[in-house]
C-alpha atoms as a PDB file:
ATOM      1  CA  MET A   1      35.315   2.692  24.538  1.00  0.00           C
ATOM      2  CA  ALA A   2      34.079   5.445  22.243  1.00  0.00           C
ATOM      3  CA  GLU A   3      36.464   6.756  19.656  1.00  0.00           C
ATOM      4  CA  VAL A   4      37.550  10.301  20.353  1.00  0.00           C
ATOM      5  CA  TYR A   5      39.369  12.954  18.417  1.00  0.00           C
ATOM      6  CA  CYS A   6      41.174  16.077  19.470  1.00  0.00           C
ATOM      7  CA  CYS A   7      40.009  19.513  18.484  1.00  0.00           C
ATOM      8  CA  GLY A   8      42.373  22.046  20.016  1.00  0.00           C
ATOM      9  CA  ASP A   9      42.326  21.471  23.767  1.00  0.00           C
ATOM     10  CA  MET A  10      38.996  19.674  23.643  1.00  0.00           C
ATOM     11  CA  LEU A  11      38.306  15.955  23.329  1.00  0.00           C
ATOM     12  CA  MET A  12      35.048  14.989  21.657  1.00  0.00           C
ATOM     13  CA  LYS A  13      33.250  11.804  20.686  1.00  0.00           C
ATOM     14  CA  PHE A  14      32.609  11.232  16.990  1.00  0.00           C
ATOM     15  CA  SER A  15      28.944  10.719  17.851  1.00  0.00           C
ATOM     16  CA  ASP A  16      28.849  14.325  19.077  1.00  0.00           C
ATOM     17  CA  LEU A  17      29.599  15.486  15.531  1.00  0.00           C
ATOM     18  CA  ILE A  18      26.555  13.826  13.996  1.00  0.00           C
ATOM     19  CA  LYS A  19      23.450  15.971  13.985  1.00  0.00           C
ATOM     20  CA  SER A  20      20.389  13.958  14.952  1.00  0.00           C
ATOM     21  CA  PHE A  21      16.716  14.677  15.423  1.00  0.00           C
ATOM     22  CA  ASP A  22      13.878  13.507  17.631  1.00  0.00           C
ATOM     23  CA  VAL A  23      11.273  11.785  15.485  1.00  0.00           C
ATOM     24  CA  PRO A  24       7.683  12.997  15.979  1.00  0.00           C
ATOM     25  CA  LYS A  25       5.248  10.393  17.358  1.00  0.00           C
ATOM     26  CA  ALA A  26       3.166  10.372  14.154  1.00  0.00           C
ATOM     27  CA  VAL A  27       6.271   9.439  12.147  1.00  0.00           C
ATOM     28  CA  GLN A  28       7.286   6.781  14.675  1.00  0.00           C
ATOM     29  CA  ASN A  29       3.771   5.331  14.563  1.00  0.00           C
ATOM     30  CA  ALA A  30       3.718   5.227  10.751  1.00  0.00           C
ATOM     31  CA  ALA A  31       7.030   3.353  10.693  1.00  0.00           C
ATOM     32  CA  LYS A  32       5.763   0.909  13.320  1.00  0.00           C
ATOM     33  CA  ARG A  33       2.567   0.377  11.311  1.00  0.00           C
ATOM     34  CA  GLY A  34       4.630  -0.291   8.189  1.00  0.00           C
ATOM     35  CA  LEU A  35       6.679  -2.905  10.045  1.00  0.00           C
ATOM     36  CA  GLU A  36       3.478  -4.538  11.365  1.00  0.00           C
ATOM     37  CA  LEU A  37       1.863  -4.656   7.911  1.00  0.00           C
ATOM     38  CA  ARG A  38       5.071  -6.022   6.395  1.00  0.00           C
ATOM     39  CA  LYS A  39       5.054  -8.911   8.905  1.00  0.00           C
ATOM     40  CA  GLN A  40       1.523  -9.808   7.768  1.00  0.00           C
ATOM     41  CA  GLN A  41       2.646 -10.212   4.158  1.00  0.00           C
ATOM     42  CA  PRO A  42       3.852 -13.537   2.757  1.00  0.00           C
ATOM     43  CA  PRO A  43       7.691 -13.594   2.901  1.00  0.00           C
ATOM     44  CA  SER A  44       7.966 -13.761  -0.890  1.00  0.00           C
ATOM     45  CA  ARG A  45       5.885 -10.568  -1.330  1.00  0.00           C
ATOM     46  CA  ARG A  46       7.109  -8.350   1.493  1.00  0.00           C
ATOM     47  CA  ALA A  47       7.519  -4.628   0.999  1.00  0.00           C
ATOM     48  CA  GLY A  48      10.801  -2.950   1.879  1.00  0.00           C
ATOM     49  CA  LEU A  49      14.243  -4.446   1.680  1.00  0.00           C
ATOM     50  CA  THR A  50      16.065  -6.072   4.553  1.00  0.00           C
ATOM     51  CA  GLN A  51      19.590  -4.856   5.294  1.00  0.00           C
ATOM     52  CA  LYS A  52      21.036  -7.833   3.408  1.00  0.00           C
ATOM     53  CA  GLU A  53      18.840  -7.253   0.341  1.00  0.00           C
ATOM     54  CA  ALA A  54      19.536  -3.515   0.332  1.00  0.00           C
ATOM     55  CA  THR A  55      23.301  -3.975   0.649  1.00  0.00           C
ATOM     56  CA  LYS A  56      23.257  -6.396  -2.277  1.00  0.00           C
ATOM     57  CA  ALA A  57      21.347  -3.813  -4.341  1.00  0.00           C
ATOM     58  CA  GLY A  58      23.624  -0.965  -3.210  1.00  0.00           C
ATOM     59  CA  ILE A  59      20.832   1.025  -1.554  1.00  0.00           C
ATOM     60  CA  HIS A  60      19.502   1.728   1.937  1.00  0.00           C
ATOM     61  CA  SER A  61      17.168  -0.634   3.773  1.00  0.00           C
ATOM     62  CA  GLY A  62      13.603   0.530   4.277  1.00  0.00           C
ATOM     63  CA  VAL A  63      13.237  -1.952   7.120  1.00  0.00           C
ATOM     64  CA  ALA A  64      16.346  -0.698   8.934  1.00  0.00           C
ATOM     65  CA  GLY A  65      15.191   2.871   8.344  1.00  0.00           C
ATOM     66  CA  ALA A  66      11.768   2.094   9.781  1.00  0.00           C
ATOM     67  CA  ARG A  67      13.356   0.631  12.886  1.00  0.00           C
ATOM     68  CA  ALA A  68      15.450   3.785  13.280  1.00  0.00           C
ATOM     69  CA  LEU A  69      12.377   6.003  12.900  1.00  0.00           C
ATOM     70  CA  ALA A  70      10.416   3.864  15.357  1.00  0.00           C
ATOM     71  CA  SER A  71      13.245   4.190  17.890  1.00  0.00           C
ATOM     72  CA  GLY A  72      12.630   7.947  18.037  1.00  0.00           C
ATOM     73  CA  ARG A  73      15.941   9.447  16.912  1.00  0.00           C
ATOM     74  CA  VAL A  74      17.565   9.633  13.469  1.00  0.00           C
ATOM     75  CA  SER A  75      20.562  11.260  11.849  1.00  0.00           C
ATOM     76  CA  GLU A  76      20.536  14.207   9.495  1.00  0.00           C
ATOM     77  CA  GLU A  77      21.511  11.846   6.670  1.00  0.00           C
ATOM     78  CA  LYS A  78      18.464   9.668   7.357  1.00  0.00           C
ATOM     79  CA  VAL A  79      16.204  12.732   7.209  1.00  0.00           C
ATOM     80  CA  ARG A  80      17.766  13.755   3.895  1.00  0.00           C
ATOM     81  CA  ARG A  81      17.291  10.202   2.541  1.00  0.00           C
ATOM     82  CA  MET A  82      13.616  10.429   3.530  1.00  0.00           C
ATOM     83  CA  VAL A  83      13.157  13.532   1.389  1.00  0.00           C
ATOM     84  CA  ARG A  84      14.832  11.820  -1.563  1.00  0.00           C
ATOM     85  CA  TYR A  85      12.691   8.685  -1.087  1.00  0.00           C
ATOM     86  CA  PHE A  86       9.412  10.614  -1.118  1.00  0.00           C
ATOM     87  CA  ALA A  87      10.516  12.651  -4.154  1.00  0.00           C
ATOM     88  CA  ARG A  88      11.241   9.439  -6.086  1.00  0.00           C
ATOM     89  CA  HIS A  89       8.064   7.669  -4.980  1.00  0.00           C
ATOM     90  CA  ALA A  90       5.564  10.528  -5.112  1.00  0.00           C
ATOM     91  CA  LYS A  91       3.008   8.390  -6.964  1.00  0.00           C
ATOM     92  CA  ASP A  92       3.313   5.064  -5.187  1.00  0.00           C
ATOM     93  CA  TYR A  93       3.507   5.546  -1.426  1.00  0.00           C
ATOM     94  CA  LYS A  94      -0.205   6.167  -0.888  1.00  0.00           C
ATOM     95  CA  LEU A  95      -2.727   3.341  -0.579  1.00  0.00           C
ATOM     96  CA  ASP A  96      -4.173   2.443  -3.974  1.00  0.00           C
ATOM     97  CA  PRO A  97      -7.994   2.537  -4.065  1.00  0.00           C
ATOM     98  CA  GLY A  98      -9.478  -0.930  -3.838  1.00  0.00           C
ATOM     99  CA  LYS A  99      -6.395  -2.510  -2.246  1.00  0.00           C
ATOM    100  CA  LYS A 100      -6.013  -3.712   1.306  1.00  0.00           C
ATOM    101  CA  PRO A 101      -2.981  -2.262   3.085  1.00  0.00           C
ATOM    102  CA  THR A 102      -1.177  -5.630   3.107  1.00  0.00           C
ATOM    103  CA  GLU A 103      -1.640  -5.886  -0.682  1.00  0.00           C
ATOM    104  CA  ASP A 104       0.019  -2.567  -1.506  1.00  0.00           C
ATOM    105  CA  ASN A 105       3.810  -2.721  -1.243  1.00  0.00           C
ATOM    106  CA  GLY A 106       4.210   0.934  -2.227  1.00  0.00           C
ATOM    107  CA  TYR A 107       1.948   1.969   0.622  1.00  0.00           C
ATOM    108  CA  ILE A 108       3.814  -0.199   3.127  1.00  0.00           C
ATOM    109  CA  ALA A 109       7.166   1.069   1.879  1.00  0.00           C
ATOM    110  CA  GLY A 110       5.910   4.638   2.336  1.00  0.00           C
ATOM    111  CA  LEU A 111       4.931   3.849   5.913  1.00  0.00           C
ATOM    112  CA  LEU A 112       8.375   2.354   6.529  1.00  0.00           C
ATOM    113  CA  TRP A 113       9.737   5.808   5.627  1.00  0.00           C
ATOM    114  CA  GLY A 114       7.295   7.545   8.008  1.00  0.00           C
ATOM    115  CA  GLY A 115       4.236   8.017   5.784  1.00  0.00           C
ATOM    116  CA  GLU A 116       2.744  11.439   5.046  1.00  0.00           C
ATOM    117  CA  ALA A 117       3.850  12.681   8.464  1.00  0.00           C
ATOM    118  CA  GLY A 118       7.412  11.590   7.703  1.00  0.00           C
ATOM    119  CA  LYS A 119       7.363  13.321   4.350  1.00  0.00           C
ATOM    120  CA  ARG A 120       6.210  16.635   5.832  1.00  0.00           C
ATOM    121  CA  TRP A 121       8.567  16.414   8.810  1.00  0.00           C
ATOM    122  CA  ALA A 122      11.644  15.505   6.765  1.00  0.00           C
ATOM    123  CA  GLU A 123      10.970  18.240   4.212  1.00  0.00           C
ATOM    124  CA  SER A 124      10.633  20.852   6.965  1.00  0.00           C
ATOM    125  CA  ILE A 125      13.889  19.728   8.628  1.00  0.00           C
ATOM    126  CA  VAL A 126      15.823  19.760   5.341  1.00  0.00           C
ATOM    127  CA  GLU A 127      14.434  23.193   4.415  1.00  0.00           C
ATOM    128  CA  LYS A 128      15.604  24.535   7.765  1.00  0.00           C
ATOM    129  CA  LEU A 129      19.035  22.900   7.424  1.00  0.00           C
ATOM    130  CA  ASN A 130      19.470  24.283   3.919  1.00  0.00           C
ATOM    131  CA  ARG A 131      18.584  27.813   5.083  1.00  0.00           C
ATOM    132  CA  GLU A 132      21.170  27.559   7.863  1.00  0.00           C
ATOM    133  CA  ARG A 133      23.951  26.733   5.386  1.00  0.00           C
END
């Protein structure tokens, strides 16, 4: 049973309070491609952290985030985390010249976060949200 709370005379689900967004196909496809490339890497050299690794490091999992993006719907907080990720990794999420995609962990990690399409989409959503506030 879903948890509910009372707001005046109205009962609502907590999930109704969370703003979420439909993920564009290009972003979904980039995340899926990142997951595919990651599977092709040797386990000891894989890009992106699993949920267990990320929790241990006190950060968010790129793999879990990619799965959320690939599913087609993400929360506002995920979109905001995407913007912060791309700001921090501006120089390392594009494929380095001379490297194969499976050799470039920064590139794969960028795809896990939605690639260039994800960067543009997340920035546009956050700009709109910030204007509304």
